[in-house]
Amino acid sequence: MDFSQALDDLKDGVLMQRAGWNGKNMHIEIQRPDEHSKMTLPYIYMRTAQNDLIPWIASQSDIMAEDWQAA
């Protein structure tokens, strides 16, 4: 699927990943702040192959890719 559909699914709570990503279990998800969060708006983060959580910003190749899938 393309990034537009992946983003819609992501907003619905689906974990998303690219088939082309090399790391096992890598995916992105949305974090919605709660009353204990210092963040005030939702943001996207990635779970890495090492199980770390990092902020994620789509690259041009991510935006143009058509290999998005549910994780």
PDB file of N, CA and C in Angstrom:
ATOM      1  N   MET A   1       0.842  -1.173   0.000  1.00  0.00           N
ATOM      2  CA  MET A   1       0.000   0.000   0.000  1.00  0.00           C
ATOM      3  C   MET A   1       0.886   1.234   0.000  1.00  0.00           C
ATOM      4  N   ASP A   2       0.329   2.374  -0.371  1.00  0.00           N
ATOM      5  CA  ASP A   2       1.109   3.605  -0.393  1.00  0.00           C
ATOM      6  C   ASP A   2       1.078   4.286   0.983  1.00  0.00           C
ATOM      7  N   PHE A   3       1.869   5.354   1.105  1.00  0.00           N
ATOM      8  CA  PHE A   3       2.016   6.015   2.399  1.00  0.00           C
ATOM      9  C   PHE A   3       0.717   6.656   2.871  1.00  0.00           C
ATOM     10  N   SER A   4      -0.076   7.155   1.937  1.00  0.00           N
ATOM     11  CA  SER A   4      -1.345   7.778   2.308  1.00  0.00           C
ATOM     12  C   SER A   4      -2.250   6.793   3.048  1.00  0.00           C
ATOM     13  N   GLN A   5      -2.382   5.591   2.506  1.00  0.00           N
ATOM     14  CA  GLN A   5      -3.197   4.565   3.160  1.00  0.00           C
ATOM     15  C   GLN A   5      -2.546   4.114   4.468  1.00  0.00           C
ATOM     16  N   ALA A   6      -1.221   3.988   4.448  1.00  0.00           N
ATOM     17  CA  ALA A   6      -0.504   3.593   5.665  1.00  0.00           C
ATOM     18  C   ALA A   6      -0.730   4.612   6.779  1.00  0.00           C
ATOM     19  N   LEU A   7      -0.726   5.895   6.426  1.00  0.00           N
ATOM     20  CA  LEU A   7      -0.949   6.938   7.425  1.00  0.00           C
ATOM     21  C   LEU A   7      -2.369   6.877   7.978  1.00  0.00           C
ATOM     22  N   ASP A   8      -3.346   6.630   7.110  1.00  0.00           N
ATOM     23  CA  ASP A   8      -4.728   6.470   7.583  1.00  0.00           C
ATOM     24  C   ASP A   8      -4.830   5.302   8.558  1.00  0.00           C
ATOM     25  N   ASP A   9      -4.209   4.169   8.209  1.00  0.00           N
ATOM     26  CA  ASP A   9      -4.230   3.002   9.094  1.00  0.00           C
ATOM     27  C   ASP A   9      -3.507   3.296  10.404  1.00  0.00           C
ATOM     28  N   LEU A  10      -2.388   3.998  10.302  1.00  0.00           N
ATOM     29  CA  LEU A  10      -1.621   4.369  11.489  1.00  0.00           C
ATOM     30  C   LEU A  10      -2.480   5.202  12.439  1.00  0.00           C
ATOM     31  N   LYS A  11      -3.232   6.137  11.895  1.00  0.00           N
ATOM     32  CA  LYS A  11      -4.123   6.972  12.710  1.00  0.00           C
ATOM     33  C   LYS A  11      -5.218   6.147  13.371  1.00  0.00           C
ATOM     34  N   ASP A  12      -5.563   5.013  12.756  1.00  0.00           N
ATOM     35  CA  ASP A  12      -6.572   4.113  13.327  1.00  0.00           C
ATOM     36  C   ASP A  12      -5.976   3.134  14.334  1.00  0.00           C
ATOM     37  N   GLY A  13      -4.673   3.269  14.624  1.00  0.00           N
ATOM     38  CA  GLY A  13      -4.039   2.428  15.630  1.00  0.00           C
ATOM     39  C   GLY A  13      -3.306   1.208  15.107  1.00  0.00           C
ATOM     40  N   VAL A  14      -3.203   1.074  13.786  1.00  0.00           N
ATOM     41  CA  VAL A  14      -2.501  -0.068  13.196  1.00  0.00           C
ATOM     42  C   VAL A  14      -0.999   0.214  13.195  1.00  0.00           C
ATOM     43  N   LEU A  15      -0.197  -0.741  13.641  1.00  0.00           N
ATOM     44  CA  LEU A  15       1.257  -0.619  13.557  1.00  0.00           C
ATOM     45  C   LEU A  15       1.642  -0.837  12.105  1.00  0.00           C
ATOM     46  N   MET A  16       2.530   0.009  11.563  1.00  0.00           N
ATOM     47  CA  MET A  16       2.877  -0.062  10.150  1.00  0.00           C
ATOM     48  C   MET A  16       4.374  -0.262   9.968  1.00  0.00           C
ATOM     49  N   GLN A  17       4.726  -0.895   8.853  1.00  0.00           N
ATOM     50  CA  GLN A  17       6.125  -1.103   8.513  1.00  0.00           C
ATOM     51  C   GLN A  17       6.253  -1.158   7.002  1.00  0.00           C
ATOM     52  N   ARG A  18       7.483  -1.028   6.535  1.00  0.00           N
ATOM     53  CA  ARG A  18       7.761  -1.185   5.116  1.00  0.00           C
ATOM     54  C   ARG A  18       8.354  -2.558   4.885  1.00  0.00           C
ATOM     55  N   ALA A  19       7.933  -3.190   3.810  1.00  0.00           N
ATOM     56  CA  ALA A  19       8.486  -4.503   3.462  1.00  0.00           C
ATOM     57  C   ALA A  19       9.985  -4.390   3.203  1.00  0.00           C
ATOM     58  N   GLY A  20      10.440  -3.226   2.755  1.00  0.00           N
ATOM     59  CA  GLY A  20      11.843  -3.022   2.435  1.00  0.00           C
ATOM     60  C   GLY A  20      12.746  -2.753   3.622  1.00  0.00           C
ATOM     61  N   TRP A  21      12.183  -2.573   4.811  1.00  0.00           N
ATOM     62  CA  TRP A  21      13.023  -2.353   5.981  1.00  0.00           C
ATOM     63  C   TRP A  21      13.713  -3.652   6.357  1.00  0.00           C
ATOM     64  N   ASN A  22      15.003  -3.556   6.661  1.00  0.00           N
ATOM     65  CA  ASN A  22      15.807  -4.750   6.925  1.00  0.00           C
ATOM     66  C   ASN A  22      15.663  -5.298   8.337  1.00  0.00           C
ATOM     67  N   GLY A  23      15.374  -4.453   9.293  1.00  0.00           N
ATOM     68  CA  GLY A  23      15.346  -4.897  10.680  1.00  0.00           C
ATOM     69  C   GLY A  23      14.110  -5.697  11.034  1.00  0.00           C
ATOM     70  N   LYS A  24      14.313  -6.764  11.776  1.00  0.00           N
ATOM     71  CA  LYS A  24      13.208  -7.599  12.234  1.00  0.00           C
ATOM     72  C   LYS A  24      12.373  -6.835  13.259  1.00  0.00           C
ATOM     73  N   ASN A  25      11.061  -6.881  13.102  1.00  0.00           N
ATOM     74  CA  ASN A  25      10.101  -6.263  14.025  1.00  0.00           C
ATOM     75  C   ASN A  25      10.136  -4.738  14.055  1.00  0.00           C
ATOM     76  N   MET A  26      10.766  -4.091  13.076  1.00  0.00           N
ATOM     77  CA  MET A  26      10.730  -2.631  13.003  1.00  0.00           C
ATOM     78  C   MET A  26       9.342  -2.192  12.572  1.00  0.00           C
ATOM     79  N   HIS A  27       8.818  -1.178  13.231  1.00  0.00           N
ATOM     80  CA  HIS A  27       7.537  -0.620  12.815  1.00  0.00           C
ATOM     81  C   HIS A  27       7.392   0.788  13.369  1.00  0.00           C
ATOM     82  N   ILE A  28       6.394   1.499  12.855  1.00  0.00           N
ATOM     83  CA  ILE A  28       6.076   2.819  13.377  1.00  0.00           C
ATOM     84  C   ILE A  28       4.693   2.773  14.006  1.00  0.00           C
ATOM     85  N   GLU A  29       4.480   3.665  14.935  1.00  0.00           N
ATOM     86  CA  GLU A  29       3.172   3.791  15.577  1.00  0.00           C
ATOM     87  C   GLU A  29       2.967   5.226  16.026  1.00  0.00           C
ATOM     88  N   ILE A  30       1.743   5.554  16.364  1.00  0.00           N
ATOM     89  CA  ILE A  30       1.415   6.899  16.838  1.00  0.00           C
ATOM     90  C   ILE A  30       1.273   6.878  18.352  1.00  0.00           C
ATOM     91  N   GLN A  31       1.867   7.874  18.985  1.00  0.00           N
ATOM     92  CA  GLN A  31       1.703   8.081  20.424  1.00  0.00           C
ATOM     93  C   GLN A  31       0.778   9.269  20.617  1.00  0.00           C
ATOM     94  N   ARG A  32      -0.275   9.058  21.339  1.00  0.00           N
ATOM     95  CA  ARG A  32      -1.192  10.148  21.666  1.00  0.00           C
ATOM     96  C   ARG A  32      -0.953  10.543  23.123  1.00  0.00           C
ATOM     97  N   PRO A  33      -0.608  11.795  23.355  1.00  0.00           N
ATOM     98  CA  PRO A  33      -0.290  12.233  24.718  1.00  0.00           C
ATOM     99  C   PRO A  33      -1.467  12.059  25.678  1.00  0.00           C
ATOM    100  N   ASP A  34      -1.139  11.781  26.930  1.00  0.00           N
ATOM    101  CA  ASP A  34      -2.153  11.738  27.979  1.00  0.00           C
ATOM    102  C   ASP A  34      -1.817  12.823  29.005  1.00  0.00           C
ATOM    103  N   GLU A  35      -2.498  12.817  30.117  1.00  0.00           N
ATOM    104  CA  GLU A  35      -2.302  13.874  31.106  1.00  0.00           C
ATOM    105  C   GLU A  35      -0.908  13.860  31.744  1.00  0.00           C
ATOM    106  N   HIS A  36      -0.167  12.767  31.608  1.00  0.00           N
ATOM    107  CA  HIS A  36       1.170  12.668  32.196  1.00  0.00           C
ATOM    108  C   HIS A  36       2.273  12.998  31.197  1.00  0.00           C
ATOM    109  N   SER A  37       1.921  13.226  29.957  1.00  0.00           N
ATOM    110  CA  SER A  37       2.905  13.445  28.899  1.00  0.00           C
ATOM    111  C   SER A  37       3.320  14.907  28.816  1.00  0.00           C
ATOM    112  N   LYS A  38       4.577  15.122  28.479  1.00  0.00           N
ATOM    113  CA  LYS A  38       5.046  16.481  28.225  1.00  0.00           C
ATOM    114  C   LYS A  38       4.709  16.914  26.804  1.00  0.00           C
ATOM    115  N   MET A  39       4.427  15.960  25.939  1.00  0.00           N
ATOM    116  CA  MET A  39       4.024  16.276  24.568  1.00  0.00           C
ATOM    117  C   MET A  39       2.553  16.671  24.590  1.00  0.00           C
ATOM    118  N   THR A  40       2.171  17.555  23.681  1.00  0.00           N
ATOM    119  CA  THR A  40       0.783  18.017  23.653  1.00  0.00           C
ATOM    120  C   THR A  40       0.024  17.570  22.408  1.00  0.00           C
ATOM    121  N   LEU A  41       0.736  17.063  21.410  1.00  0.00           N
ATOM    122  CA  LEU A  41       0.110  16.593  20.173  1.00  0.00           C
ATOM    123  C   LEU A  41       0.588  15.183  19.856  1.00  0.00           C
ATOM    124  N   PRO A  42      -0.191  14.418  19.102  1.00  0.00           N
ATOM    125  CA  PRO A  42       0.254  13.079  18.701  1.00  0.00           C
ATOM    126  C   PRO A  42       1.531  13.163  17.864  1.00  0.00           C
ATOM    127  N   TYR A  43       2.342  12.108  17.935  1.00  0.00           N
ATOM    128  CA  TYR A  43       3.566  12.043  17.135  1.00  0.00           C
ATOM    129  C   TYR A  43       3.830  10.592  16.757  1.00  0.00           C
ATOM    130  N   ILE A  44       4.621  10.419  15.708  1.00  0.00           N
ATOM    131  CA  ILE A  44       4.966   9.084  15.217  1.00  0.00           C
ATOM    132  C   ILE A  44       6.346   8.714  15.744  1.00  0.00           C
ATOM    133  N   TYR A  45       6.474   7.490  16.197  1.00  0.00           N
ATOM    134  CA  TYR A  45       7.785   6.989  16.609  1.00  0.00           C
ATOM    135  C   TYR A  45       8.011   5.607  16.015  1.00  0.00           C
ATOM    136  N   MET A  46       9.271   5.187  16.016  1.00  0.00           N
ATOM    137  CA  MET A  46       9.648   3.887  15.465  1.00  0.00           C
ATOM    138  C   MET A  46      10.154   2.979  16.571  1.00  0.00           C
ATOM    139  N   ARG A  47       9.764   1.727  16.495  1.00  0.00           N
ATOM    140  CA  ARG A  47      10.375   0.688  17.321  1.00  0.00           C
ATOM    141  C   ARG A  47      11.445   0.051  16.443  1.00  0.00           C
ATOM    142  N   THR A  48      12.691   0.127  16.877  1.00  0.00           N
ATOM    143  CA  THR A  48      13.807  -0.361  16.073  1.00  0.00           C
ATOM    144  C   THR A  48      13.976  -1.874  16.215  1.00  0.00           C
ATOM    145  N   ALA A  49      14.878  -2.420  15.428  1.00  0.00           N
ATOM    146  CA  ALA A  49      15.178  -3.853  15.498  1.00  0.00           C
ATOM    147  C   ALA A  49      15.749  -4.228  16.862  1.00  0.00           C
ATOM    148  N   GLN A  50      16.346  -3.248  17.565  1.00  0.00           N
ATOM    149  CA  GLN A  50      16.896  -3.490  18.908  1.00  0.00           C
ATOM    150  C   GLN A  50      15.860  -3.217  19.992  1.00  0.00           C
ATOM    151  N   ASN A  51      14.612  -2.958  19.576  1.00  0.00           N
ATOM    152  CA  ASN A  51      13.491  -2.703  20.480  1.00  0.00           C
ATOM    153  C   ASN A  51      13.581  -1.338  21.170  1.00  0.00           C
ATOM    154  N   ASP A  52      14.376  -0.424  20.602  1.00  0.00           N
ATOM    155  CA  ASP A  52      14.428   0.943  21.107  1.00  0.00           C
ATOM    156  C   ASP A  52      13.303   1.746  20.471  1.00  0.00           C
ATOM    157  N   LEU A  53      12.885   2.807  21.131  1.00  0.00           N
ATOM    158  CA  LEU A  53      11.868   3.712  20.600  1.00  0.00           C
ATOM    159  C   LEU A  53      12.535   5.037  20.262  1.00  0.00           C
ATOM    160  N   ILE A  54      12.320   5.513  19.024  1.00  0.00           N
ATOM    161  CA  ILE A  54      12.922   6.765  18.583  1.00  0.00           C
ATOM    162  C   ILE A  54      11.896   7.581  17.804  1.00  0.00           C
ATOM    163  N   PRO A  55      12.003   8.918  17.827  1.00  0.00           N
ATOM    164  CA  PRO A  55      11.125   9.733  16.989  1.00  0.00           C
ATOM    165  C   PRO A  55      11.348   9.362  15.525  1.00  0.00           C
ATOM    166  N   TRP A  56      10.305   9.454  14.727  1.00  0.00           N
ATOM    167  CA  TRP A  56      10.407   9.078  13.317  1.00  0.00           C
ATOM    168  C   TRP A  56       9.852  10.170  12.432  1.00  0.00           C
ATOM    169  N   ILE A  57      10.603  10.495  11.385  1.00  0.00           N
ATOM    170  CA  ILE A  57      10.159  11.421  10.348  1.00  0.00           C
ATOM    171  C   ILE A  57      10.324  10.705   9.019  1.00  0.00           C
ATOM    172  N   ALA A  58       9.278  10.717   8.212  1.00  0.00           N
ATOM    173  CA  ALA A  58       9.303  10.023   6.923  1.00  0.00           C
ATOM    174  C   ALA A  58      10.306  10.673   5.973  1.00  0.00           C
ATOM    175  N   SER A  59      11.080   9.835   5.297  1.00  0.00           N
ATOM    176  CA  SER A  59      11.969  10.315   4.240  1.00  0.00           C
ATOM    177  C   SER A  59      11.170  10.414   2.940  1.00  0.00           C
ATOM    178  N   GLN A  60      11.747  11.016   1.927  1.00  0.00           N
ATOM    179  CA  GLN A  60      11.068  11.076   0.635  1.00  0.00           C
ATOM    180  C   GLN A  60      10.820   9.679   0.092  1.00  0.00           C
ATOM    181  N   SER A  61      11.775   8.777   0.287  1.00  0.00           N
ATOM    182  CA  SER A  61      11.568   7.407  -0.208  1.00  0.00           C
ATOM    183  C   SER A  61      10.456   6.706   0.567  1.00  0.00           C
ATOM    184  N   ASP A  62      10.317   6.984   1.867  1.00  0.00           N
ATOM    185  CA  ASP A  62       9.203   6.420   2.642  1.00  0.00           C
ATOM    186  C   ASP A  62       7.865   6.945   2.122  1.00  0.00           C
ATOM    187  N   ILE A  63       7.804   8.237   1.826  1.00  0.00           N
ATOM    188  CA  ILE A  63       6.564   8.846   1.351  1.00  0.00           C
ATOM    189  C   ILE A  63       6.162   8.297  -0.015  1.00  0.00           C
ATOM    190  N   MET A  64       7.131   8.054  -0.881  1.00  0.00           N
ATOM    191  CA  MET A  64       6.839   7.594  -2.239  1.00  0.00           C
ATOM    192  C   MET A  64       6.694   6.074  -2.342  1.00  0.00           C
ATOM    193  N   ALA A  65       7.086   5.351  -1.309  1.00  0.00           N
ATOM    194  CA  ALA A  65       7.076   3.883  -1.349  1.00  0.00           C
ATOM    195  C   ALA A  65       5.661   3.321  -1.418  1.00  0.00           C
ATOM    196  N   GLU A  66       5.554   2.159  -2.017  1.00  0.00           N
ATOM    197  CA  GLU A  66       4.273   1.450  -2.098  1.00  0.00           C
ATOM    198  C   GLU A  66       4.371   0.063  -1.471  1.00  0.00           C
ATOM    199  N   ASP A  67       5.333  -0.091  -0.553  1.00  0.00           N
ATOM    200  CA  ASP A  67       5.509  -1.385   0.118  1.00  0.00           C
ATOM    201  C   ASP A  67       5.116  -1.331   1.596  1.00  0.00           C
ATOM    202  N   TRP A  68       4.247  -0.389   1.961  1.00  0.00           N
ATOM    203  CA  TRP A  68       3.773  -0.303   3.342  1.00  0.00           C
ATOM    204  C   TRP A  68       2.823  -1.456   3.643  1.00  0.00           C
ATOM    205  N   GLN A  69       2.895  -1.944   4.871  1.00  0.00           N
ATOM    206  CA  GLN A  69       2.029  -3.051   5.297  1.00  0.00           C
ATOM    207  C   GLN A  69       1.824  -2.976   6.803  1.00  0.00           C
ATOM    208  N   ALA A  70       0.776  -3.621   7.266  1.00  0.00           N
ATOM    209  CA  ALA A  70       0.548  -3.714   8.709  1.00  0.00           C
ATOM    210  C   ALA A  70       1.642  -4.574   9.320  1.00  0.00           C
ATOM    211  N   ALA A  71       2.114  -4.164  10.492  1.00  0.00           N
ATOM    212  CA  ALA A  71       3.189  -4.912  11.167  1.00  0.00           C
ATOM    213  C   ALA A  71       2.619  -6.104  11.905  1.00  0.00           C
TER     214      ALA A  71
END
